[in-house]
Protein backbone atom coordinates (compact mmCIF):
# COMPACT_ATOMS: atom_id res chain seq x y z
CA MET A 1 23.89 -12.05 -8.40
CA ASN A 2 23.28 -12.74 -4.51
CA THR A 3 20.10 -10.54 -3.27
CA PRO A 4 21.09 -11.00 0.70
CA PHE A 5 17.72 -9.45 1.84
CA ARG A 6 15.66 -11.63 0.03
CA THR A 7 13.92 -14.09 2.61
CA PRO A 8 12.48 -17.67 1.95
CA GLY A 9 8.79 -18.47 2.40
CA HIS A 10 7.67 -15.30 1.61
CA GLY A 11 6.49 -13.37 -1.29
CA ARG A 12 4.46 -13.99 -4.23
CA ILE A 13 7.32 -13.59 -6.66
CA ASP A 14 8.54 -16.26 -9.53
CA ARG A 15 11.81 -17.18 -7.98
CA ALA A 16 12.52 -19.96 -11.06
CA THR A 17 12.92 -16.72 -13.20
CA THR A 18 15.56 -14.33 -13.11
CA LEU A 19 15.51 -10.72 -14.66
CA ALA A 20 18.61 -8.78 -15.11
CA PHE A 21 18.08 -4.78 -14.65
CA THR A 22 20.49 -1.83 -14.12
CA PHE A 23 19.95 1.07 -11.61
CA ASP A 24 22.34 4.03 -11.78
CA GLY A 25 24.77 2.23 -13.85
CA THR A 26 25.02 -0.96 -11.83
CA ALA A 27 23.36 -4.51 -12.63
CA TYR A 28 21.12 -6.18 -10.41
CA THR A 29 18.68 -9.26 -10.46
CA GLY A 30 15.29 -9.63 -9.51
CA HIS A 31 12.27 -11.50 -10.29
CA PRO A 32 8.77 -11.55 -12.09
CA GLY A 33 6.49 -10.08 -9.51
CA ASP A 34 9.06 -7.66 -8.30
CA THR A 35 8.72 -3.97 -8.68
CA LEU A 36 12.03 -1.96 -9.18
CA ALA A 37 11.59 -0.91 -5.34
CA SER A 38 11.41 -4.17 -3.95
CA ALA A 39 14.18 -5.55 -6.42
CA LEU A 40 16.43 -2.69 -5.24
CA LEU A 41 15.53 -3.65 -1.60
CA ALA A 42 16.59 -7.06 -2.14
CA ASN A 43 19.87 -6.00 -3.17
CA GLY A 44 20.05 -3.99 0.09
CA VAL A 45 19.89 -0.45 -1.86
CA HIS A 46 17.97 1.89 0.47
CA HIS A 47 19.63 5.21 -1.06
CA VAL A 48 17.60 5.62 -4.52
CA ALA A 49 17.27 9.74 -4.70
CA ASP A 50 18.36 13.01 -3.33
CA SER A 51 16.07 15.81 -2.00
CA SER A 52 15.93 18.36 -5.11
CA LYS A 53 16.80 21.61 -2.74
CA TYR A 54 19.37 20.21 -0.11
CA GLY A 55 20.60 17.03 -1.66
CA ARG A 56 19.90 14.98 1.15
CA PRO A 57 19.73 10.81 0.66
CA ARG A 58 16.27 9.53 0.07
CA GLY A 59 14.97 6.30 0.35
CA PHE A 60 11.75 4.25 0.14
CA LEU A 61 8.99 5.30 2.34
CA ALA A 62 6.24 3.29 1.22
CA ALA A 63 5.26 0.20 -1.10
CA GLY A 64 2.65 2.00 -3.63
CA ALA A 65 1.54 4.80 -5.18
CA GLU A 66 1.67 6.76 -2.33
CA GLU A 67 5.72 6.79 -2.38
CA PRO A 68 6.94 10.20 -2.03
CA ASN A 69 10.55 9.95 -2.43
CA ALA A 70 11.94 6.94 -5.15
CA LEU A 71 11.09 8.94 -8.24
CA VAL A 72 13.33 7.11 -11.27
CA GLN A 73 13.69 8.02 -14.66
CA ILE A 74 13.39 4.92 -16.95
CA GLU A 75 15.68 5.01 -19.60
CA PHE A 76 14.86 1.61 -21.44
CA PRO A 77 13.02 0.42 -23.38
CA PHE A 78 11.56 4.37 -23.71
CA PRO A 79 12.58 7.10 -21.89
CA GLU A 80 9.79 8.24 -19.17
CA PRO A 81 10.61 10.82 -16.18
CA MET A 82 8.99 10.72 -12.89
CA LEU A 83 7.79 7.15 -12.17
CA THR A 84 7.72 5.90 -8.51
CA ALA A 85 10.07 2.75 -8.08
CA THR A 86 7.45 1.41 -6.07
CA THR A 87 5.04 1.16 -8.80
CA VAL A 88 7.39 0.23 -11.76
CA GLU A 89 6.95 -3.44 -12.44
CA LEU A 90 10.29 -5.32 -13.10
CA TYR A 91 11.38 -6.62 -16.50
CA GLU A 92 14.15 -8.26 -18.26
CA GLY A 93 16.61 -5.38 -19.36
CA LEU A 94 14.85 -2.41 -17.02
CA VAL A 95 17.45 0.72 -16.96
CA ALA A 96 16.70 3.48 -14.63
CA ARG A 97 18.31 5.77 -12.41
CA GLY A 98 17.21 7.93 -9.53
CA LEU A 99 15.88 11.52 -9.74
CA SER A 100 16.18 14.60 -7.31
CA GLY A 101 12.80 15.71 -8.76
CA ARG A 102 14.05 16.44 -12.18
CA GLY A 103 13.23 14.19 -15.06
CA ARG A 104 14.36 14.11 -18.71
CA LEU A 105 11.62 14.06 -21.56
CA SER A 106 12.98 11.57 -24.30
CA ALA A 107 14.24 13.67 -27.75
CA GLU A 108 12.56 10.79 -30.08
CA PRO A 109 8.93 10.14 -30.67
CA ASP A 110 7.11 7.66 -29.05
CA THR A 111 6.57 4.58 -31.21
CA ALA A 112 4.06 2.95 -29.14
CA ARG A 113 0.19 2.55 -29.72
CA TYR A 114 -2.49 3.84 -27.21
CA ASP A 115 -6.16 3.64 -27.49
CA THR A 116 -9.65 4.56 -25.70
CA VAL A 117 -12.06 1.85 -24.83
CA HIS A 118 -16.00 2.85 -24.02
CA ALA A 119 -17.76 0.57 -21.43
CA HIS A 120 -20.78 0.41 -19.67
CA CYS A 121 -21.93 -1.36 -16.50
CA ASP A 122 -24.30 -1.14 -13.69
CA VAL A 123 -22.04 -1.43 -10.98
CA LEU A 124 -18.33 -0.30 -11.24
CA VAL A 125 -16.15 -0.99 -8.15
CA VAL A 126 -12.71 0.33 -7.73
CA GLY A 127 -10.37 -1.12 -5.66
CA ALA A 128 -9.91 -4.93 -5.86
CA GLY A 129 -8.68 -5.41 -1.78
CA PRO A 130 -10.93 -7.52 0.63
CA ALA A 131 -13.94 -5.01 0.46
CA GLY A 132 -13.74 -4.46 -3.24
CA LEU A 133 -13.85 -8.11 -3.95
CA ALA A 134 -16.70 -8.76 -1.43
CA ALA A 135 -18.53 -5.85 -3.44
CA ALA A 136 -18.07 -7.43 -6.77
CA LEU A 137 -18.87 -10.49 -5.92
CA THR A 138 -22.14 -9.72 -4.20
CA ALA A 139 -23.16 -7.43 -7.22
CA ALA A 140 -22.12 -10.28 -9.97
CA ARG A 141 -24.48 -12.92 -8.27
CA ALA A 142 -27.41 -10.46 -8.64
CA GLY A 143 -26.67 -10.93 -12.53
CA VAL A 144 -26.05 -7.26 -12.94
CA ARG A 145 -22.86 -6.00 -15.18
CA VAL A 146 -20.15 -5.50 -13.16
CA VAL A 147 -16.87 -3.64 -14.09
CA LEU A 148 -13.96 -4.26 -11.13
CA VAL A 149 -10.71 -2.19 -11.66
CA ASP A 150 -7.44 -2.39 -9.35
CA GLU A 151 -3.87 -0.28 -10.05
CA LEU A 152 -1.99 -3.94 -8.91
CA PRO A 153 -1.21 -6.45 -11.37
CA GLU A 154 -3.09 -8.94 -9.09
CA ALA A 155 -6.37 -8.41 -7.03
CA GLY A 156 -6.19 -8.83 -3.06
CA GLY A 157 -5.03 -5.29 -2.33
CA SER A 158 -3.76 -5.38 1.47
CA LEU A 159 -4.46 -8.94 1.65
CA LEU A 160 -1.36 -9.34 -0.55
CA GLY A 161 1.26 -7.85 1.90
CA SER A 162 -0.37 -9.58 5.13
CA ARG A 163 -0.47 -13.27 6.76
CA GLU A 164 -4.54 -12.76 7.28
CA LEU A 165 -6.70 -15.72 7.32
CA ILE A 166 -10.28 -16.12 5.80
CA ASP A 167 -12.24 -19.37 6.67
CA GLY A 168 -9.40 -20.71 8.42
CA ALA A 169 -7.00 -20.48 5.10
CA PRO A 170 -4.48 -17.90 3.86
CA ALA A 171 -6.64 -14.74 2.62
CA THR A 172 -5.05 -15.09 -0.97
CA GLU A 173 -6.84 -18.77 -1.37
CA TRP A 174 -10.18 -16.99 -0.91
CA VAL A 175 -9.15 -14.04 -3.42
CA SER A 176 -8.38 -16.59 -5.82
CA ALA A 177 -11.90 -18.40 -5.38
CA VAL A 178 -13.40 -15.12 -5.78
CA LEU A 179 -11.48 -13.76 -9.34
CA ALA A 180 -12.57 -17.61 -10.76
CA GLU A 181 -16.15 -16.60 -9.99
CA LEU A 182 -15.72 -13.29 -11.54
CA ASP A 183 -13.75 -14.65 -14.32
CA ALA A 184 -16.37 -17.01 -15.01
CA ASN A 185 -18.86 -14.78 -15.40
CA ALA A 186 -19.72 -13.16 -18.81
CA ASP A 187 -21.39 -10.11 -17.41
CA VAL A 188 -18.39 -9.36 -15.28
CA ARG A 189 -14.96 -7.29 -16.35
CA VAL A 190 -11.74 -7.38 -14.24
CA LEU A 191 -9.05 -4.43 -15.46
CA PRO A 192 -5.72 -5.14 -13.31
CA ARG A 193 -3.02 -2.74 -13.55
CA THR A 194 -5.61 -0.05 -13.86
CA THR A 195 -6.02 3.23 -12.13
CA ALA A 196 -9.39 5.18 -11.82
CA PHE A 197 -8.06 8.74 -11.80
CA GLY A 198 -11.50 11.05 -12.33
CA HIS A 199 -14.95 10.83 -11.36
CA TYR A 200 -17.06 13.10 -13.79
CA ASP A 201 -21.12 13.90 -14.43
CA ASP A 202 -23.60 10.94 -15.15
CA GLY A 203 -21.40 8.37 -13.62
CA LEU A 204 -18.31 8.82 -15.97
CA VAL A 205 -15.11 7.29 -14.49
CA LEU A 206 -11.87 7.28 -16.22
CA ALA A 207 -9.28 4.76 -15.69
CA LEU A 208 -5.84 4.34 -17.27
CA GLU A 209 -4.70 0.40 -17.77
CA LYS A 210 -1.13 -0.10 -18.55
CA ARG A 211 -1.35 -3.10 -20.94
CA THR A 212 2.21 -3.62 -21.69
CA ASP A 213 4.27 -1.51 -19.63
CA HIS A 214 5.92 -4.49 -17.40
CA LEU A 215 6.59 -6.40 -20.66
CA GLY A 216 9.72 -3.80 -21.73
CA ALA A 217 11.25 -4.48 -25.08
CA ALA A 218 9.29 -7.82 -25.28
CA ALA A 219 5.85 -5.79 -25.55
CA PRO A 220 4.17 -6.78 -28.77
CA ALA A 221 4.08 -4.01 -31.33
CA HIS A 222 0.48 -4.41 -32.31
CA VAL A 223 -0.90 -4.42 -28.69
CA SER A 224 -1.45 -0.49 -27.26
CA ARG A 225 0.87 0.09 -24.59
CA GLN A 226 -1.72 2.11 -22.46
CA ARG A 227 -5.40 2.55 -22.67
CA ILE A 228 -8.01 5.09 -21.48
CA TRP A 229 -11.13 3.36 -19.98
CA ARG A 230 -14.10 5.63 -20.11
CA ILE A 231 -16.62 3.88 -17.92
CA ARG A 232 -20.24 4.94 -17.63
CA SER A 233 -21.99 3.30 -14.40
CA ARG A 234 -25.02 3.50 -12.86
CA GLN A 235 -23.46 3.09 -9.45
CA VAL A 236 -19.79 3.16 -8.13
CA VAL A 237 -18.52 1.53 -5.25
CA TYR A 238 -15.20 3.17 -3.95
CA ALA A 239 -12.88 0.59 -2.37
CA THR A 240 -9.75 2.49 -2.69
CA GLY A 241 -8.29 1.61 0.77
CA ALA A 242 -6.45 4.10 3.23
CA HIS A 243 -2.90 5.09 3.45
CA GLU A 244 -0.68 5.16 6.18
CA ARG A 245 0.45 7.95 8.10
CA PRO A 246 3.87 8.95 8.78
CA ILE A 247 5.27 10.76 12.13
CA ALA A 248 7.22 13.81 11.69
CA PHE A 249 10.53 13.91 13.88
CA ASP A 250 14.01 15.54 13.67
CA ASN A 251 15.66 14.06 10.66
CA ASN A 252 12.72 11.38 9.39
CA ASP A 253 13.78 11.40 6.08
CA ARG A 254 16.79 9.15 6.16
CA PRO A 255 16.93 6.33 3.79
CA GLY A 256 15.99 3.10 5.98
CA ILE A 257 12.57 5.28 7.47
CA MET A 258 9.60 3.29 6.26
CA LEU A 259 5.94 2.91 7.09
CA ALA A 260 5.35 -0.11 9.04
CA GLY A 261 2.64 -1.61 6.74
CA SER A 262 5.19 -1.10 3.53
CA ALA A 263 7.47 -3.41 5.48
CA ARG A 264 5.00 -5.76 5.95
CA THR A 265 3.97 -5.58 2.19
CA TYR A 266 7.70 -6.26 1.19
CA LEU A 267 8.00 -9.10 3.37
CA ASN A 268 4.86 -10.80 2.32
CA ARG A 269 4.13 -9.78 -1.09
CA PHE A 270 7.74 -9.73 -2.46
CA GLY A 271 9.92 -11.87 0.10
CA VAL A 272 12.31 -9.18 1.18
CA LEU A 273 13.50 -7.97 4.32
CA PRO A 274 14.16 -4.01 4.41
CA GLY A 275 16.50 -4.43 7.23
CA SER A 276 18.25 -6.46 9.55
CA ARG A 277 17.64 -4.70 13.26
CA ALA A 278 14.61 -2.38 13.67
CA VAL A 279 12.77 -0.14 15.86
CA VAL A 280 8.85 0.02 15.59
CA PHE A 281 7.36 3.92 16.11
CA THR A 282 3.39 3.58 16.53
CA THR A 283 0.57 5.42 17.56
CA ASN A 284 -1.76 2.47 17.43
CA ASP A 285 -2.23 -1.21 16.80
CA SER A 286 -1.64 -1.90 13.18
CA ALA A 287 2.17 -1.83 13.58
CA TYR A 288 2.68 -4.71 15.53
CA PRO A 289 1.89 -7.32 13.14
CA ALA A 290 4.42 -5.81 11.08
CA ALA A 291 6.81 -6.13 14.11
CA LEU A 292 5.90 -9.72 14.78
CA GLU A 293 5.86 -10.94 11.16
CA LEU A 294 9.32 -9.32 10.68
CA ALA A 295 10.71 -10.83 13.70
CA ASP A 296 9.54 -14.45 12.54
CA ALA A 297 11.21 -14.00 9.30
CA GLY A 298 14.71 -12.92 10.85
CA VAL A 299 14.53 -9.49 11.47
CA ARG A 300 15.81 -8.41 14.95
CA ILE A 301 13.27 -5.89 16.43
CA ALA A 302 15.38 -3.95 18.72
CA ALA A 303 12.02 -1.93 20.52
CA VAL A 304 8.50 -1.19 19.67
CA VAL A 305 7.95 2.47 20.65
CA ASP A 306 4.41 3.37 21.61
CA VAL A 307 3.23 6.69 22.06
CA ARG A 308 0.56 5.30 24.22
CA GLU A 309 1.16 4.57 27.85
CA GLN A 310 -1.38 1.66 27.74
CA VAL A 311 -0.49 -1.08 25.47
CA PRO A 312 -3.08 -4.13 25.01
CA GLU A 313 -1.65 -7.43 26.49
CA HIS A 314 -2.24 -9.37 23.42
CA TRP A 315 0.17 -7.48 21.87
CA ARG A 316 3.02 -6.94 24.66
CA GLY A 317 2.75 -10.83 25.36
CA ALA A 318 3.35 -11.77 21.53
CA CYS A 319 6.34 -9.18 21.58
CA ALA A 320 7.84 -10.80 24.87
CA GLU A 321 7.66 -14.28 23.32
CA ARG A 322 10.23 -12.87 20.90
CA GLY A 323 12.25 -11.19 23.19
CA ILE A 324 10.88 -7.83 21.94
CA GLY A 325 10.82 -4.99 24.14
CA VAL A 326 7.70 -2.54 24.35
CA ARG A 327 8.30 0.98 25.50
CA ALA A 328 5.13 2.40 26.02
CA GLY A 329 4.65 6.04 26.75
CA HIS A 330 7.76 6.76 24.40
CA VAL A 331 8.39 8.59 21.36
CA VAL A 332 11.24 8.74 18.52
CA THR A 333 12.38 12.42 18.73
CA GLY A 334 15.25 12.10 16.03
CA THR A 335 17.47 9.55 14.12
CA SER A 336 21.39 9.64 13.46
CA GLY A 337 23.10 8.23 10.12
CA VAL A 338 24.61 9.85 6.91
CA GLU A 339 23.70 7.41 3.99
CA ARG A 340 21.08 5.50 6.24
CA VAL A 341 19.20 5.46 9.45
CA THR A 342 21.95 3.98 12.03
CA ARG A 343 19.72 4.83 15.71
CA ALA A 344 16.92 5.97 16.72
CA HIS A 345 16.72 8.61 19.46
CA VAL A 346 14.05 7.35 21.93
CA ALA A 347 12.79 9.06 25.23
CA SER A 348 9.74 8.81 27.58
CA TYR A 349 6.79 11.04 26.54
CA ARG A 350 4.21 11.76 29.24
CA ASP A 351 1.85 14.39 29.99
CA GLY A 352 3.57 16.32 27.04
CA ARG A 353 6.73 16.34 29.05
CA LEU A 354 9.78 14.43 27.47
CA GLY A 355 12.27 12.41 29.76
CA GLY A 356 15.96 11.71 29.14
CA ARG A 357 16.68 10.36 25.70
CA HIS A 358 18.99 7.17 24.68
CA GLY A 359 19.59 5.98 21.63
CA VAL A 360 18.69 2.57 19.71
CA ASP A 361 21.02 0.98 17.03
CA CYS A 362 19.04 0.03 13.91
CA ASP A 363 19.04 0.10 10.29
CA LEU A 364 15.20 0.49 9.74
CA LEU A 365 13.00 2.77 11.64
CA LEU A 366 9.50 1.62 11.04
CA VAL A 367 6.79 4.06 11.46
CA SER A 368 3.16 4.15 12.02
CA GLY A 369 0.98 7.44 12.57
CA GLY A 370 -2.56 5.82 11.83
CA TRP A 371 -4.49 5.59 8.41
CA ASN A 372 -6.03 7.73 6.02
CA PRO A 373 -8.98 6.68 3.90
CA ALA A 374 -8.20 6.95 0.42
CA VAL A 375 -11.02 9.64 -0.25
CA ALA A 376 -9.78 11.52 -3.60
CA LEU A 377 -11.97 10.07 -6.12
CA PHE A 378 -14.94 10.10 -3.69
CA SER A 379 -14.58 13.63 -2.91
CA GLN A 380 -14.32 14.64 -6.72
CA ALA A 381 -17.73 12.85 -6.99
CA ARG A 382 -18.82 15.52 -4.59
CA GLY A 383 -18.92 13.46 -1.66
CA THR A 384 -18.29 15.27 1.54
CA LEU A 385 -15.89 14.93 4.43
CA ARG A 386 -16.21 14.77 8.26
CA HIS A 387 -13.26 14.92 10.22
CA ASP A 388 -12.99 11.66 12.73
CA ALA A 389 -11.42 12.81 16.11
CA GLY A 390 -10.28 9.31 16.94
CA THR A 391 -8.36 8.47 14.00
CA GLY A 392 -7.27 11.92 13.02
CA ALA A 393 -8.55 11.21 9.62
CA PHE A 394 -11.27 12.45 7.47
CA VAL A 395 -13.75 9.98 6.35
CA PRO A 396 -16.53 9.97 3.91
CA ALA A 397 -19.90 11.61 5.12
CA ASP A 398 -22.60 12.34 2.62
CA ALA A 399 -22.35 10.69 -0.55
CA PRO A 400 -24.11 11.25 -3.89
CA ALA A 401 -27.17 8.58 -4.66
CA ASP A 402 -25.01 6.90 -7.23
CA VAL A 403 -21.66 6.57 -5.23
CA ARG A 404 -20.71 4.24 -2.17
CA THR A 405 -17.58 3.68 -0.40
CA ALA A 406 -16.59 0.44 1.42
CA GLY A 407 -14.00 -0.86 3.76
CA ALA A 408 -10.69 1.22 4.83
CA ALA A 409 -11.98 3.88 1.98
CA GLY A 410 -14.75 4.41 4.38
CA GLY A 411 -13.04 4.29 7.71
CA THR A 412 -13.30 0.69 8.29
CA PHE A 413 -10.05 -0.75 9.16
CA THR A 414 -10.66 -4.27 10.15
CA LEU A 415 -10.76 -7.27 7.85
CA ALA A 416 -13.61 -8.45 9.05
CA GLY A 417 -15.16 -5.10 8.88
CA CYS A 418 -14.05 -4.48 5.25
CA LEU A 419 -15.72 -8.06 4.01
CA ALA A 420 -19.16 -7.08 5.54
CA ASP A 421 -19.07 -3.30 4.34
CA GLY A 422 -18.15 -4.61 0.66
CA VAL A 423 -21.24 -6.76 0.69
CA ALA A 424 -23.35 -3.67 2.39
CA ALA A 425 -22.41 -1.29 -0.13
CA ALA A 426 -23.11 -3.53 -3.16
CA ARG A 427 -26.44 -4.17 -1.68
CA ARG A 428 -27.13 -0.69 -1.48
CA ALA A 429 -26.34 0.00 -5.00
CA LEU A 430 -28.15 -2.73 -6.22
CA SER A 431 -31.34 -1.50 -4.26
CA ALA A 432 -30.60 1.90 -5.82
CA ILE A 433 -31.00 0.39 -9.28
CA GLY A 434 -33.67 -1.64 -8.62
CA GLY A 435 -31.87 -4.69 -8.52
CA THR A 436 -32.50 -7.97 -6.06
CA ALA A 437 -29.50 -8.00 -3.80
CA PRO A 438 -28.68 -11.83 -2.94
CA GLU A 439 -27.86 -13.06 0.41
CA VAL A 440 -24.15 -13.03 0.50
CA ALA A 441 -22.70 -13.82 3.98
CA PRO A 442 -19.21 -12.48 4.54
CA PRO A 443 -16.54 -15.05 4.93
CA ALA A 444 -15.15 -15.59 8.54
CA THR A 445 -12.07 -14.15 9.80
CA ASP A 446 -10.02 -14.85 12.80
CA PRO A 447 -11.55 -13.06 15.96
CA LEU A 448 -9.56 -9.96 16.59
CA PRO A 449 -7.41 -9.59 19.70
CA ASP A 450 -8.15 -7.14 22.59
CA GLY A 451 -7.30 -3.34 21.14
CA ALA A 452 -6.51 0.00 22.52
CA PRO A 453 -7.62 3.53 21.08
CA ALA A 454 -5.14 4.96 18.86
CA ARG A 455 -3.26 8.17 19.60
CA VAL A 456 -3.04 11.05 17.26
CA LEU A 457 0.34 12.38 16.89
CA TRP A 458 1.16 14.21 14.12
CA ARG A 459 4.92 15.28 15.25
CA GLY A 460 7.15 13.74 17.70
CA PRO A 461 8.26 16.55 20.11
CA THR A 462 11.74 18.06 19.52
CA PRO A 463 13.73 18.02 22.67
CA GLN A 464 14.83 21.79 23.04
CA TYR A 465 11.12 22.80 22.26
CA ALA A 466 9.32 20.02 24.69
CA GLN A 467 7.40 21.50 28.06
């Protein structure tokens, strides 16, 4: 079948292999490496569920575990409710349907096997993005026992959804080199498809490994479907990243309204264009790479709406080169559409006052309200938080003696900063257990363009209530 929104030259999917699946009774195709969400978007499917109270259509907001809307019921090979389509790996014969907040438990017994394994290490690293990989590599080179866990099928984290360069080459080449070194080290265990979900006393971290869920009916009967890891570690480094914040405005729940970073992930990790004509609404610099990369891939960017009155010249110039208009000091106040967004309502917004509104036609509205460090596990480990007024986020403050944070999880949002932070966190962990920290130089990244401070905006002004 034709997947009209799959774009060539992007993505890490296996295009040579086709997988057939069914969603809400309709047959579609995708590829190994897809999630159910990316495969549906590649087929132009945006309406995947309805709100539980009013029955309003819901679409994909995110690309990972933070997805709030796209809850699905898997019917084959074994019924399982309330899964996020963004984390369900596609496999041959998958049968699923959208949910309105209510799932169905199976009436048949589950014949799959489940097991538990105990593991011990000196340094546990949670998260295999740039900070986590740098931390794991540093600890491994010190000769200590290291366990690295990550919820994705492959390492790389945010690097999988970007076109960043490390040492002048695609960042994924650096990821592959690090993984090769870790895999060759007998004292290192790397656990993909593994989600850490609890931090308890005496360095105990529980994690769930999905071992055969991605194989569907082809899963070997003798292999456990899922495994609970009980990991005891002398030091834990949380490199769990950050979640992009949406911005609330009237009718911000229509399908086709998506986080800017998630659209970038769909493009670069899955080779999917989530729309054909987009408006980008942002409070910070991080949405601009998404706008530029989507434009280069063939999406028409109708406008970048930036609430800040001063936009960095680098981003304004890059947009101008692609014919993208930047509307500084503007906000999105609402949207139009039924099954999907068809128009964004834009108005100037200065000194708390709205100007006249006008509509911009679009089938995709990308939003970035800043980033919140993923600190749930750090907090469970009794780490304390402080509010950072500049970013509008809670970031780690005081940590227990056996817990570290690195990268975006600690409030560092640049690639160079994440790499350096990962090395530093591992060195602190090694020092705490009496290990010798090796001299590891973070790899080189491209210099950052001049930026501007983000503006914290939780809700776009509603016209009838604006001053």
